[in-house]
Amino acid sequence: PPLRMMLVIDATDTVPISNIVNALRNELAPRLQVLDEVALVTFGQQIFTYTEFYYTDKNRLINDHLSNLKTSSGDNRVYDAILRGVIDLPLDSNLRQVVLVITDSGRRDEEQTTIDRIIEEANEKNVQVFNIGYYTRDKPDHEELTTIANETEGYVWIYANEQNTRASIEAAMNEYLEALVEALDSEILLTVDMHGQEPDANGRGLFD
């Protein structure tokens, strides 16, 4: 079935933004299903929600809102932006909803939302969070991004090569975005009908 995806894109000044956009254009946009919907949040020291509606034309979203995106100096608000991405998804139990975070930023001295708040909000809305992190002059928080992904039934990829270039970061993004779509397409929904079953003494039901 179609899904709704919120892209949360890091636009701090350590980000090779043109390379990230190339990877999104070449590896994500063509692989999503025609009816999949995508919206966008970007962040640096501020958080911007660029799209108030969801694009099924993924290339149009990239061309309209990412092709000329400028990075900005200052601190980052990565965790506040992830929370914004989750909150901005509408409450819709009939549609699979995903937040995809692409960042090189870690938590700084400025107070931000906790990962527990992000996980709680995502679980209440059945939102999966997938995180892609990469090293530049900055470094993402591997442990926190992993916890968010694990606790929301998402996944995490981290490009931790400190001897990186813009080209090597783009190559890693290409690989991870391909893996992301494979992960989205490879999940199995398993429904177990326990109708008529009686629990044992420990409250468990046995079934084949």
N, C-alpha and C. Protein backbone atom coordinates (compact mmCIF):
# COMPACT_ATOMS: atom_id res chain seq x y z
N PRO A 1 0.84 -1.21 0.00
CA PRO A 1 0.00 0.00 0.00
C PRO A 1 0.87 1.25 0.00
N PRO A 2 0.35 2.38 -0.50
CA PRO A 2 1.13 3.62 -0.48
C PRO A 2 1.47 4.04 0.94
N LEU A 3 2.55 4.78 1.08
CA LEU A 3 2.95 5.31 2.38
C LEU A 3 3.08 6.81 2.30
N ARG A 4 3.15 7.42 3.47
CA ARG A 4 3.38 8.86 3.58
C ARG A 4 4.72 9.04 4.29
N MET A 5 5.63 9.80 3.65
CA MET A 5 6.98 9.98 4.20
C MET A 5 7.25 11.45 4.46
N MET A 6 7.77 11.73 5.66
CA MET A 6 8.25 13.06 5.99
C MET A 6 9.78 13.05 5.94
N LEU A 7 10.35 13.82 5.03
CA LEU A 7 11.80 13.97 4.97
C LEU A 7 12.24 15.05 5.95
N VAL A 8 13.20 14.72 6.82
CA VAL A 8 13.78 15.69 7.75
C VAL A 8 15.25 15.83 7.36
N ILE A 9 15.58 16.94 6.71
CA ILE A 9 16.88 17.12 6.08
C ILE A 9 17.70 18.16 6.83
N ASP A 10 18.91 17.79 7.20
CA ASP A 10 19.86 18.67 7.86
C ASP A 10 20.41 19.68 6.86
N ALA A 11 20.33 20.97 7.20
CA ALA A 11 20.86 22.02 6.33
C ALA A 11 21.85 22.90 7.08
N THR A 12 22.57 22.31 8.05
CA THR A 12 23.65 23.06 8.71
C THR A 12 24.83 23.18 7.77
N ASP A 13 25.76 24.08 8.10
CA ASP A 13 26.79 24.43 7.12
C ASP A 13 27.89 23.39 6.97
N THR A 14 27.83 22.29 7.72
CA THR A 14 28.79 21.20 7.51
C THR A 14 28.26 20.18 6.49
N VAL A 15 27.04 20.36 6.03
CA VAL A 15 26.38 19.39 5.15
C VAL A 15 26.75 19.64 3.69
N PRO A 16 27.18 18.60 2.94
CA PRO A 16 27.38 18.73 1.49
C PRO A 16 26.02 18.63 0.79
N ILE A 17 25.27 19.72 0.86
CA ILE A 17 23.85 19.68 0.54
C ILE A 17 23.59 19.24 -0.90
N SER A 18 24.41 19.69 -1.86
CA SER A 18 24.16 19.31 -3.25
C SER A 18 24.31 17.80 -3.44
N ASN A 19 25.23 17.19 -2.71
CA ASN A 19 25.43 15.74 -2.81
C ASN A 19 24.26 14.98 -2.18
N ILE A 20 23.74 15.48 -1.07
CA ILE A 20 22.57 14.86 -0.44
C ILE A 20 21.36 14.96 -1.37
N VAL A 21 21.19 16.12 -1.99
CA VAL A 21 20.07 16.30 -2.92
C VAL A 21 20.22 15.38 -4.12
N ASN A 22 21.45 15.23 -4.63
CA ASN A 22 21.68 14.31 -5.75
C ASN A 22 21.25 12.89 -5.39
N ALA A 23 21.61 12.46 -4.18
CA ALA A 23 21.26 11.11 -3.74
C ALA A 23 19.75 10.95 -3.63
N LEU A 24 19.07 11.96 -3.10
CA LEU A 24 17.61 11.90 -3.00
C LEU A 24 16.98 11.83 -4.38
N ARG A 25 17.50 12.62 -5.31
CA ARG A 25 16.95 12.65 -6.66
C ARG A 25 17.21 11.34 -7.40
N ASN A 26 18.41 10.78 -7.23
CA ASN A 26 18.80 9.61 -8.02
C ASN A 26 18.39 8.28 -7.41
N GLU A 27 18.32 8.22 -6.07
CA GLU A 27 18.11 6.91 -5.43
C GLU A 27 16.79 6.80 -4.67
N LEU A 28 16.27 7.91 -4.15
CA LEU A 28 15.02 7.81 -3.41
C LEU A 28 13.81 8.05 -4.31
N ALA A 29 13.79 9.18 -5.00
CA ALA A 29 12.62 9.56 -5.78
C ALA A 29 12.19 8.48 -6.79
N PRO A 30 13.12 7.89 -7.56
CA PRO A 30 12.68 6.91 -8.56
C PRO A 30 12.23 5.58 -7.95
N ARG A 31 12.61 5.30 -6.71
CA ARG A 31 12.34 4.00 -6.10
C ARG A 31 11.02 3.98 -5.32
N LEU A 32 10.52 5.14 -4.93
CA LEU A 32 9.26 5.16 -4.22
C LEU A 32 8.11 4.84 -5.17
N GLN A 33 7.03 4.33 -4.62
CA GLN A 33 5.87 4.00 -5.44
C GLN A 33 5.18 5.28 -5.92
N VAL A 34 4.45 5.15 -7.02
CA VAL A 34 3.82 6.32 -7.65
C VAL A 34 2.91 7.06 -6.67
N LEU A 35 2.14 6.32 -5.87
CA LEU A 35 1.18 6.95 -4.97
C LEU A 35 1.75 7.28 -3.60
N ASP A 36 3.02 6.97 -3.35
CA ASP A 36 3.64 7.38 -2.10
C ASP A 36 3.69 8.91 -2.01
N GLU A 37 3.44 9.44 -0.83
CA GLU A 37 3.40 10.88 -0.63
C GLU A 37 4.61 11.32 0.21
N VAL A 38 5.22 12.44 -0.16
CA VAL A 38 6.43 12.92 0.53
C VAL A 38 6.27 14.39 0.87
N ALA A 39 6.65 14.75 2.09
CA ALA A 39 6.69 16.14 2.52
C ALA A 39 8.07 16.43 3.12
N LEU A 40 8.32 17.68 3.49
CA LEU A 40 9.68 18.09 3.81
C LEU A 40 9.76 19.01 5.02
N VAL A 41 10.72 18.70 5.90
CA VAL A 41 11.16 19.61 6.97
C VAL A 41 12.67 19.74 6.83
N THR A 42 13.19 20.95 6.90
CA THR A 42 14.64 21.15 6.95
C THR A 42 14.98 21.89 8.24
N PHE A 43 16.24 21.73 8.65
CA PHE A 43 16.61 22.38 9.91
C PHE A 43 18.08 22.76 9.91
N GLY A 44 18.35 23.78 10.68
CA GLY A 44 19.69 24.19 11.08
C GLY A 44 19.51 24.70 12.49
N GLN A 45 19.76 25.99 12.67
CA GLN A 45 19.45 26.61 13.95
C GLN A 45 17.95 26.86 14.09
N GLN A 46 17.25 26.88 12.94
CA GLN A 46 15.80 26.99 12.90
C GLN A 46 15.23 25.77 12.18
N ILE A 47 13.94 25.58 12.32
CA ILE A 47 13.25 24.47 11.67
C ILE A 47 12.25 25.05 10.69
N PHE A 48 12.25 24.52 9.46
CA PHE A 48 11.35 25.02 8.43
C PHE A 48 10.50 23.87 7.88
N THR A 49 9.20 24.07 7.87
CA THR A 49 8.29 23.14 7.20
C THR A 49 7.97 23.75 5.84
N TYR A 50 8.55 23.18 4.79
CA TYR A 50 8.42 23.78 3.47
C TYR A 50 7.14 23.38 2.76
N THR A 51 6.59 22.24 3.09
CA THR A 51 5.43 21.75 2.35
C THR A 51 4.27 21.52 3.30
N GLU A 52 3.18 22.19 3.03
CA GLU A 52 1.99 22.02 3.84
C GLU A 52 1.12 20.90 3.30
N PHE A 53 1.46 20.37 2.10
CA PHE A 53 0.75 19.22 1.56
C PHE A 53 1.80 18.22 1.06
N TYR A 54 1.34 17.06 0.67
CA TYR A 54 2.24 15.97 0.35
C TYR A 54 2.33 15.76 -1.15
N TYR A 55 3.55 15.64 -1.65
CA TYR A 55 3.80 15.46 -3.06
C TYR A 55 3.79 13.98 -3.43
N THR A 56 3.06 13.62 -4.48
CA THR A 56 3.28 12.32 -5.10
C THR A 56 4.33 12.44 -6.19
N ASP A 57 4.52 13.66 -6.72
CA ASP A 57 5.59 13.93 -7.68
C ASP A 57 6.85 14.28 -6.89
N LYS A 58 7.67 13.27 -6.63
CA LYS A 58 8.82 13.46 -5.74
C LYS A 58 9.86 14.39 -6.36
N ASN A 59 10.03 14.32 -7.68
CA ASN A 59 11.01 15.20 -8.34
C ASN A 59 10.58 16.66 -8.23
N ARG A 60 9.28 16.90 -8.26
CA ARG A 60 8.81 18.28 -8.11
C ARG A 60 9.15 18.80 -6.71
N LEU A 61 8.96 17.98 -5.69
CA LEU A 61 9.33 18.40 -4.33
C LEU A 61 10.81 18.76 -4.27
N ILE A 62 11.65 17.90 -4.85
CA ILE A 62 13.09 18.16 -4.84
C ILE A 62 13.42 19.43 -5.61
N ASN A 63 12.83 19.58 -6.78
CA ASN A 63 13.14 20.76 -7.61
C ASN A 63 12.63 22.04 -6.97
N ASP A 64 11.44 21.97 -6.36
CA ASP A 64 10.84 23.19 -5.80
C ASP A 64 11.46 23.61 -4.48
N HIS A 65 11.93 22.64 -3.68
CA HIS A 65 12.30 22.97 -2.30
C HIS A 65 13.71 22.57 -1.89
N LEU A 66 14.37 21.72 -2.66
CA LEU A 66 15.70 21.26 -2.25
C LEU A 66 16.82 21.67 -3.20
N SER A 67 16.50 21.87 -4.47
CA SER A 67 17.55 22.13 -5.46
C SER A 67 18.37 23.37 -5.13
N ASN A 68 17.72 24.39 -4.58
CA ASN A 68 18.42 25.65 -4.26
C ASN A 68 18.51 25.88 -2.75
N LEU A 69 18.42 24.80 -1.99
CA LEU A 69 18.46 24.94 -0.54
C LEU A 69 19.84 25.41 -0.08
N LYS A 70 19.86 26.42 0.76
CA LYS A 70 21.11 26.98 1.28
C LYS A 70 21.34 26.46 2.70
N THR A 71 22.60 26.15 2.99
CA THR A 71 22.94 25.77 4.36
C THR A 71 23.12 27.03 5.20
N SER A 72 23.07 26.85 6.52
CA SER A 72 23.19 27.99 7.41
C SER A 72 24.12 27.65 8.56
N SER A 73 24.83 28.65 9.04
CA SER A 73 25.75 28.46 10.16
C SER A 73 24.98 28.53 11.46
N GLY A 74 25.64 28.15 12.53
CA GLY A 74 25.00 28.17 13.84
C GLY A 74 24.77 26.77 14.34
N ASP A 75 24.11 26.69 15.48
CA ASP A 75 23.85 25.39 16.11
C ASP A 75 22.77 24.65 15.34
N ASN A 76 22.55 23.38 15.69
CA ASN A 76 21.51 22.60 15.03
C ASN A 76 20.40 22.25 16.02
N ARG A 77 19.25 21.88 15.46
CA ARG A 77 18.12 21.45 16.29
C ARG A 77 17.59 20.11 15.77
N VAL A 78 18.49 19.16 15.67
CA VAL A 78 18.16 17.89 15.02
C VAL A 78 17.01 17.16 15.72
N TYR A 79 17.02 17.10 17.04
CA TYR A 79 15.98 16.33 17.74
C TYR A 79 14.65 17.06 17.74
N ASP A 80 14.69 18.38 17.84
CA ASP A 80 13.46 19.15 17.70
C ASP A 80 12.87 18.97 16.30
N ALA A 81 13.74 18.88 15.29
CA ALA A 81 13.28 18.71 13.92
C ALA A 81 12.67 17.32 13.70
N ILE A 82 13.27 16.28 14.31
CA ILE A 82 12.69 14.94 14.20
C ILE A 82 11.30 14.94 14.82
N LEU A 83 11.18 15.56 15.99
CA LEU A 83 9.87 15.64 16.64
C LEU A 83 8.88 16.40 15.75
N ARG A 84 9.31 17.49 15.14
CA ARG A 84 8.43 18.24 14.24
C ARG A 84 7.98 17.36 13.09
N GLY A 85 8.90 16.57 12.54
CA GLY A 85 8.53 15.67 11.45
C GLY A 85 7.46 14.68 11.85
N VAL A 86 7.58 14.15 13.07
CA VAL A 86 6.58 13.20 13.57
C VAL A 86 5.26 13.92 13.81
N ILE A 87 5.30 15.06 14.47
CA ILE A 87 4.07 15.79 14.80
C ILE A 87 3.34 16.25 13.55
N ASP A 88 4.09 16.68 12.53
CA ASP A 88 3.47 17.21 11.33
C ASP A 88 2.77 16.14 10.50
N LEU A 89 3.07 14.87 10.72
CA LEU A 89 2.32 13.81 10.05
C LEU A 89 0.92 13.75 10.64
N PRO A 90 -0.10 13.70 9.80
CA PRO A 90 -1.46 13.64 10.34
C PRO A 90 -1.72 12.30 11.01
N LEU A 91 -2.67 12.30 11.91
CA LEU A 91 -3.06 11.06 12.57
C LEU A 91 -3.90 10.25 11.59
N ASP A 92 -3.37 9.16 11.10
CA ASP A 92 -4.04 8.37 10.06
C ASP A 92 -3.67 6.91 10.23
N SER A 93 -4.58 6.15 10.84
CA SER A 93 -4.28 4.75 11.13
C SER A 93 -4.36 3.87 9.89
N ASN A 94 -4.91 4.41 8.79
CA ASN A 94 -5.09 3.61 7.58
C ASN A 94 -3.94 3.73 6.61
N LEU A 95 -2.93 4.53 6.92
CA LEU A 95 -1.82 4.76 6.00
C LEU A 95 -0.50 4.60 6.74
N ARG A 96 0.40 3.84 6.17
CA ARG A 96 1.72 3.69 6.79
C ARG A 96 2.46 5.03 6.72
N GLN A 97 3.05 5.45 7.84
CA GLN A 97 3.71 6.74 7.92
C GLN A 97 5.14 6.58 8.42
N VAL A 98 6.04 7.30 7.74
CA VAL A 98 7.47 7.14 7.96
C VAL A 98 8.13 8.51 8.03
N VAL A 99 9.06 8.67 8.96
CA VAL A 99 9.94 9.84 8.99
C VAL A 99 11.33 9.37 8.60
N LEU A 100 11.93 10.02 7.61
CA LEU A 100 13.30 9.74 7.19
C LEU A 100 14.18 10.93 7.55
N VAL A 101 15.15 10.71 8.42
CA VAL A 101 16.06 11.76 8.88
C VAL A 101 17.42 11.55 8.22
N ILE A 102 17.97 12.62 7.63
CA ILE A 102 19.32 12.57 7.04
C ILE A 102 20.12 13.69 7.68
N THR A 103 21.17 13.34 8.45
CA THR A 103 21.84 14.35 9.27
C THR A 103 23.29 14.00 9.55
N ASP A 104 24.09 15.04 9.77
CA ASP A 104 25.44 14.86 10.31
C ASP A 104 25.54 15.51 11.70
N SER A 105 24.41 15.90 12.27
CA SER A 105 24.41 16.70 13.50
C SER A 105 24.20 15.85 14.75
N GLY A 106 24.86 16.25 15.81
CA GLY A 106 24.67 15.63 17.11
C GLY A 106 24.07 16.63 18.08
N ARG A 107 23.74 16.14 19.25
CA ARG A 107 23.14 16.99 20.28
C ARG A 107 24.18 17.97 20.81
N ARG A 108 23.79 19.22 20.95
CA ARG A 108 24.69 20.27 21.41
C ARG A 108 24.24 20.78 22.79
N ASP A 109 24.85 21.87 23.22
CA ASP A 109 24.55 22.40 24.54
C ASP A 109 23.13 22.96 24.63
N GLU A 110 22.62 23.46 23.51
CA GLU A 110 21.27 24.02 23.52
C GLU A 110 20.26 22.93 23.86
N GLU A 111 19.33 23.24 24.74
CA GLU A 111 18.35 22.26 25.18
C GLU A 111 17.42 21.88 24.03
N GLN A 112 17.24 20.57 23.84
CA GLN A 112 16.34 20.05 22.82
C GLN A 112 15.45 18.99 23.42
N THR A 113 14.47 18.57 22.65
CA THR A 113 13.56 17.53 23.11
C THR A 113 14.33 16.24 23.36
N THR A 114 13.81 15.41 24.22
CA THR A 114 14.44 14.13 24.54
C THR A 114 14.03 13.09 23.51
N ILE A 115 14.84 12.04 23.39
CA ILE A 115 14.48 10.97 22.47
C ILE A 115 13.25 10.22 23.00
N ASP A 116 13.05 10.19 24.31
CA ASP A 116 11.85 9.55 24.86
C ASP A 116 10.59 10.24 24.36
N ARG A 117 10.60 11.56 24.28
CA ARG A 117 9.44 12.30 23.77
C ARG A 117 9.20 11.96 22.31
N ILE A 118 10.26 11.88 21.52
CA ILE A 118 10.13 11.53 20.10
C ILE A 118 9.52 10.13 19.96
N ILE A 119 10.06 9.18 20.71
CA ILE A 119 9.59 7.79 20.64
C ILE A 119 8.13 7.69 21.06
N GLU A 120 7.77 8.39 22.14
CA GLU A 120 6.39 8.35 22.62
C GLU A 120 5.43 8.90 21.57
N GLU A 121 5.78 10.04 20.98
CA GLU A 121 4.92 10.65 19.97
C GLU A 121 4.81 9.76 18.73
N ALA A 122 5.94 9.19 18.32
CA ALA A 122 5.93 8.33 17.13
C ALA A 122 5.10 7.07 17.36
N ASN A 123 5.23 6.47 18.52
CA ASN A 123 4.47 5.26 18.80
C ASN A 123 2.98 5.52 18.92
N GLU A 124 2.61 6.66 19.45
CA GLU A 124 1.19 7.01 19.56
C GLU A 124 0.55 7.14 18.18
N LYS A 125 1.36 7.59 17.18
CA LYS A 125 0.81 7.79 15.84
C LYS A 125 1.21 6.68 14.87
N ASN A 126 1.86 5.62 15.39
CA ASN A 126 2.33 4.52 14.54
C ASN A 126 3.24 5.02 13.42
N VAL A 127 4.18 5.87 13.78
CA VAL A 127 5.15 6.41 12.83
C VAL A 127 6.48 5.70 13.01
N GLN A 128 7.05 5.19 11.92
CA GLN A 128 8.38 4.60 11.96
C GLN A 128 9.41 5.68 11.64
N VAL A 129 10.51 5.70 12.38
CA VAL A 129 11.58 6.67 12.13
C VAL A 129 12.81 5.94 11.62
N PHE A 130 13.25 6.31 10.42
CA PHE A 130 14.46 5.78 9.81
C PHE A 130 15.50 6.89 9.80
N ASN A 131 16.70 6.59 10.33
CA ASN A 131 17.75 7.60 10.45
C ASN A 131 18.96 7.24 9.61
N ILE A 132 19.44 8.21 8.84
CA ILE A 132 20.69 8.07 8.10
C ILE A 132 21.63 9.16 8.60
N GLY A 133 22.73 8.74 9.22
CA GLY A 133 23.71 9.69 9.74
C GLY A 133 25.03 9.55 9.00
N TYR A 134 25.80 10.61 8.98
CA TYR A 134 27.10 10.55 8.31
C TYR A 134 28.05 11.56 8.97
N TYR A 135 29.33 11.21 8.95
CA TYR A 135 30.35 12.08 9.54
C TYR A 135 30.78 13.14 8.53
N THR A 136 30.94 14.37 9.03
CA THR A 136 31.62 15.43 8.28
C THR A 136 32.57 16.06 9.29
N ARG A 137 32.59 17.38 9.35
CA ARG A 137 33.29 18.03 10.46
C ARG A 137 32.47 17.86 11.73
N ASP A 138 31.22 17.49 11.57
CA ASP A 138 30.32 17.21 12.68
C ASP A 138 30.09 15.70 12.73
N LYS A 139 29.47 15.21 13.80
CA LYS A 139 29.19 13.79 13.95
C LYS A 139 27.81 13.60 14.57
N PRO A 140 27.02 12.70 14.02
CA PRO A 140 25.72 12.41 14.61
C PRO A 140 25.86 11.54 15.84
N ASP A 141 24.81 11.50 16.65
CA ASP A 141 24.79 10.66 17.85
C ASP A 141 24.30 9.27 17.47
N HIS A 142 25.26 8.36 17.27
CA HIS A 142 24.92 7.01 16.80
C HIS A 142 23.95 6.33 17.76
N GLU A 143 24.23 6.40 19.05
CA GLU A 143 23.42 5.68 20.03
C GLU A 143 21.99 6.22 20.08
N GLU A 144 21.83 7.53 20.07
CA GLU A 144 20.50 8.10 20.17
C GLU A 144 19.68 7.84 18.90
N LEU A 145 20.31 7.98 17.73
CA LEU A 145 19.61 7.70 16.48
C LEU A 145 19.21 6.23 16.40
N THR A 146 20.07 5.35 16.90
CA THR A 146 19.76 3.91 16.90
C THR A 146 18.58 3.62 17.81
N THR A 147 18.57 4.23 18.99
CA THR A 147 17.48 3.99 19.93
C THR A 147 16.15 4.46 19.35
N ILE A 148 16.14 5.64 18.74
CA ILE A 148 14.90 6.15 18.13
C ILE A 148 14.40 5.19 17.06
N ALA A 149 15.30 4.73 16.20
CA ALA A 149 14.89 3.82 15.12
C ALA A 149 14.39 2.50 15.69
N ASN A 150 15.12 1.93 16.63
CA ASN A 150 14.73 0.63 17.18
C ASN A 150 13.38 0.69 17.88
N GLU A 151 13.14 1.76 18.62
CA GLU A 151 11.93 1.86 19.42
C GLU A 151 10.70 2.27 18.61
N THR A 152 10.90 2.64 17.35
CA THR A 152 9.77 3.00 16.48
C THR A 152 9.65 2.04 15.31
N GLU A 153 10.36 0.92 15.38
CA GLU A 153 10.34 -0.11 14.34
C GLU A 153 10.91 0.40 13.02
N GLY A 154 11.85 1.33 13.12
CA GLY A 154 12.55 1.81 11.94
C GLY A 154 13.91 1.15 11.83
N TYR A 155 14.86 1.87 11.23
CA TYR A 155 16.22 1.34 11.06
C TYR A 155 17.18 2.53 11.01
N VAL A 156 18.46 2.23 11.20
CA VAL A 156 19.46 3.30 11.18
C VAL A 156 20.67 2.87 10.36
N TRP A 157 21.22 3.82 9.60
CA TRP A 157 22.48 3.62 8.88
C TRP A 157 23.40 4.79 9.25
N ILE A 158 24.65 4.48 9.56
CA ILE A 158 25.62 5.53 9.90
C ILE A 158 26.87 5.36 9.04
N TYR A 159 27.23 6.39 8.30
CA TYR A 159 28.49 6.41 7.54
C TYR A 159 29.53 7.07 8.44
N ALA A 160 30.36 6.24 9.08
CA ALA A 160 31.25 6.72 10.13
C ALA A 160 32.70 6.86 9.67
N ASN A 161 32.94 6.89 8.36
CA ASN A 161 34.30 7.05 7.85
C ASN A 161 34.74 8.51 8.03
N GLU A 162 35.72 8.72 8.88
CA GLU A 162 36.17 10.09 9.14
C GLU A 162 37.04 10.61 8.00
N GLN A 163 37.59 9.72 7.16
CA GLN A 163 38.37 10.13 6.00
C GLN A 163 37.41 10.21 4.79
N ASN A 164 36.44 11.10 4.89
CA ASN A 164 35.41 11.15 3.86
C ASN A 164 35.60 12.33 2.94
N THR A 165 34.92 12.27 1.81
CA THR A 165 34.84 13.38 0.87
C THR A 165 33.37 13.60 0.55
N ARG A 166 33.09 14.69 -0.14
CA ARG A 166 31.71 14.92 -0.57
C ARG A 166 31.22 13.77 -1.44
N ALA A 167 32.11 13.29 -2.31
CA ALA A 167 31.73 12.19 -3.21
C ALA A 167 31.49 10.90 -2.43
N SER A 168 32.31 10.62 -1.43
CA SER A 168 32.14 9.38 -0.67
C SER A 168 30.86 9.43 0.18
N ILE A 169 30.53 10.62 0.67
CA ILE A 169 29.27 10.78 1.42
C ILE A 169 28.09 10.54 0.49
N GLU A 170 28.14 11.09 -0.72
CA GLU A 170 27.05 10.87 -1.67
C GLU A 170 26.92 9.39 -2.02
N ALA A 171 28.05 8.71 -2.20
CA ALA A 171 28.01 7.27 -2.51
C ALA A 171 27.36 6.49 -1.37
N ALA A 172 27.71 6.85 -0.13
CA ALA A 172 27.10 6.18 1.02
C ALA A 172 25.60 6.46 1.07
N MET A 173 25.19 7.71 0.80
CA MET A 173 23.77 8.04 0.79
C MET A 173 23.02 7.24 -0.27
N ASN A 174 23.64 7.09 -1.45
CA ASN A 174 23.02 6.28 -2.51
C ASN A 174 22.76 4.86 -2.02
N GLU A 175 23.76 4.28 -1.38
CA GLU A 175 23.65 2.91 -0.89
C GLU A 175 22.56 2.81 0.19
N TYR A 176 22.54 3.76 1.12
CA TYR A 176 21.60 3.69 2.23
C TYR A 176 20.17 3.94 1.78
N LEU A 177 19.98 4.84 0.83
CA LEU A 177 18.63 5.11 0.34
C LEU A 177 18.08 3.91 -0.43
N GLU A 178 18.94 3.24 -1.16
CA GLU A 178 18.51 2.01 -1.82
C GLU A 178 18.10 0.97 -0.78
N ALA A 179 18.91 0.85 0.28
CA ALA A 179 18.59 -0.10 1.35
C ALA A 179 17.31 0.30 2.08
N LEU A 180 17.08 1.60 2.24
CA LEU A 180 15.85 2.07 2.88
C LEU A 180 14.62 1.57 2.13
N VAL A 181 14.61 1.77 0.80
CA VAL A 181 13.44 1.37 0.03
C VAL A 181 13.28 -0.14 0.06
N GLU A 182 14.38 -0.88 0.03
CA GLU A 182 14.30 -2.33 0.15
C GLU A 182 13.70 -2.73 1.50
N ALA A 183 14.08 -2.01 2.55
CA ALA A 183 13.52 -2.29 3.88
C ALA A 183 12.02 -1.98 3.92
N LEU A 184 11.62 -0.88 3.32
CA LEU A 184 10.20 -0.53 3.28
C LEU A 184 9.39 -1.58 2.53
N ASP A 185 9.99 -2.11 1.46
CA ASP A 185 9.27 -3.06 0.60
C ASP A 185 9.34 -4.49 1.10
N SER A 186 10.18 -4.78 2.09
CA SER A 186 10.40 -6.17 2.47
C SER A 186 9.71 -6.55 3.77
N GLU A 187 8.98 -5.63 4.38
CA GLU A 187 8.31 -5.96 5.63
C GLU A 187 7.06 -6.81 5.36
N ILE A 188 6.75 -7.68 6.29
CA ILE A 188 5.62 -8.59 6.18
C ILE A 188 4.64 -8.27 7.30
N LEU A 189 3.38 -8.13 6.95
CA LEU A 189 2.33 -7.96 7.96
C LEU A 189 1.78 -9.32 8.32
N LEU A 190 1.90 -9.70 9.57
CA LEU A 190 1.45 -11.00 10.06
C LEU A 190 0.28 -10.78 11.02
N THR A 191 -0.87 -11.36 10.69
CA THR A 191 -2.04 -11.27 11.54
C THR A 191 -2.32 -12.63 12.15
N VAL A 192 -2.46 -12.69 13.46
CA VAL A 192 -2.73 -13.94 14.17
C VAL A 192 -4.13 -13.87 14.75
N ASP A 193 -4.97 -14.84 14.37
CA ASP A 193 -6.33 -14.90 14.88
C ASP A 193 -6.36 -15.81 16.10
N MET A 194 -6.60 -15.26 17.28
CA MET A 194 -6.62 -16.04 18.52
C MET A 194 -8.06 -16.35 18.95
N HIS A 195 -9.01 -16.17 18.05
CA HIS A 195 -10.41 -16.42 18.37
C HIS A 195 -10.61 -17.87 18.82
N GLY A 196 -11.25 -18.03 19.96
CA GLY A 196 -11.53 -19.37 20.46
C GLY A 196 -10.42 -19.99 21.27
N GLN A 197 -9.27 -19.31 21.38
CA GLN A 197 -8.16 -19.86 22.15
C GLN A 197 -8.33 -19.54 23.63
N GLU A 198 -7.92 -20.48 24.48
CA GLU A 198 -7.96 -20.28 25.92
C GLU A 198 -6.53 -20.12 26.44
N PRO A 199 -6.26 -19.11 27.28
CA PRO A 199 -4.90 -18.93 27.81
C PRO A 199 -4.55 -20.03 28.79
N ASP A 200 -3.24 -20.30 28.91
CA ASP A 200 -2.80 -21.26 29.91
C ASP A 200 -2.69 -20.57 31.26
N ALA A 201 -2.11 -21.26 32.25
CA ALA A 201 -2.05 -20.72 33.60
C ALA A 201 -1.24 -19.42 33.69
N ASN A 202 -0.33 -19.24 32.71
CA ASN A 202 0.51 -18.04 32.70
C ASN A 202 -0.07 -16.94 31.81
N GLY A 203 -1.30 -17.15 31.31
CA GLY A 203 -1.91 -16.13 30.49
C GLY A 203 -1.44 -16.13 29.06
N ARG A 204 -0.79 -17.20 28.63
CA ARG A 204 -0.27 -17.28 27.27
C ARG A 204 -1.13 -18.20 26.41
N GLY A 205 -1.26 -17.87 25.16
CA GLY A 205 -1.97 -18.71 24.21
C GLY A 205 -0.99 -19.41 23.30
N LEU A 206 -1.19 -20.70 23.07
CA LEU A 206 -0.30 -21.49 22.21
C LEU A 206 -0.95 -21.67 20.85
N PHE A 207 -0.20 -21.51 19.81
CA PHE A 207 -0.75 -21.68 18.46
C PHE A 207 0.37 -22.10 17.50
N ASP A 208 -0.02 -22.74 16.41
CA ASP A 208 0.91 -23.11 15.35
C ASP A 208 0.72 -22.14 14.20
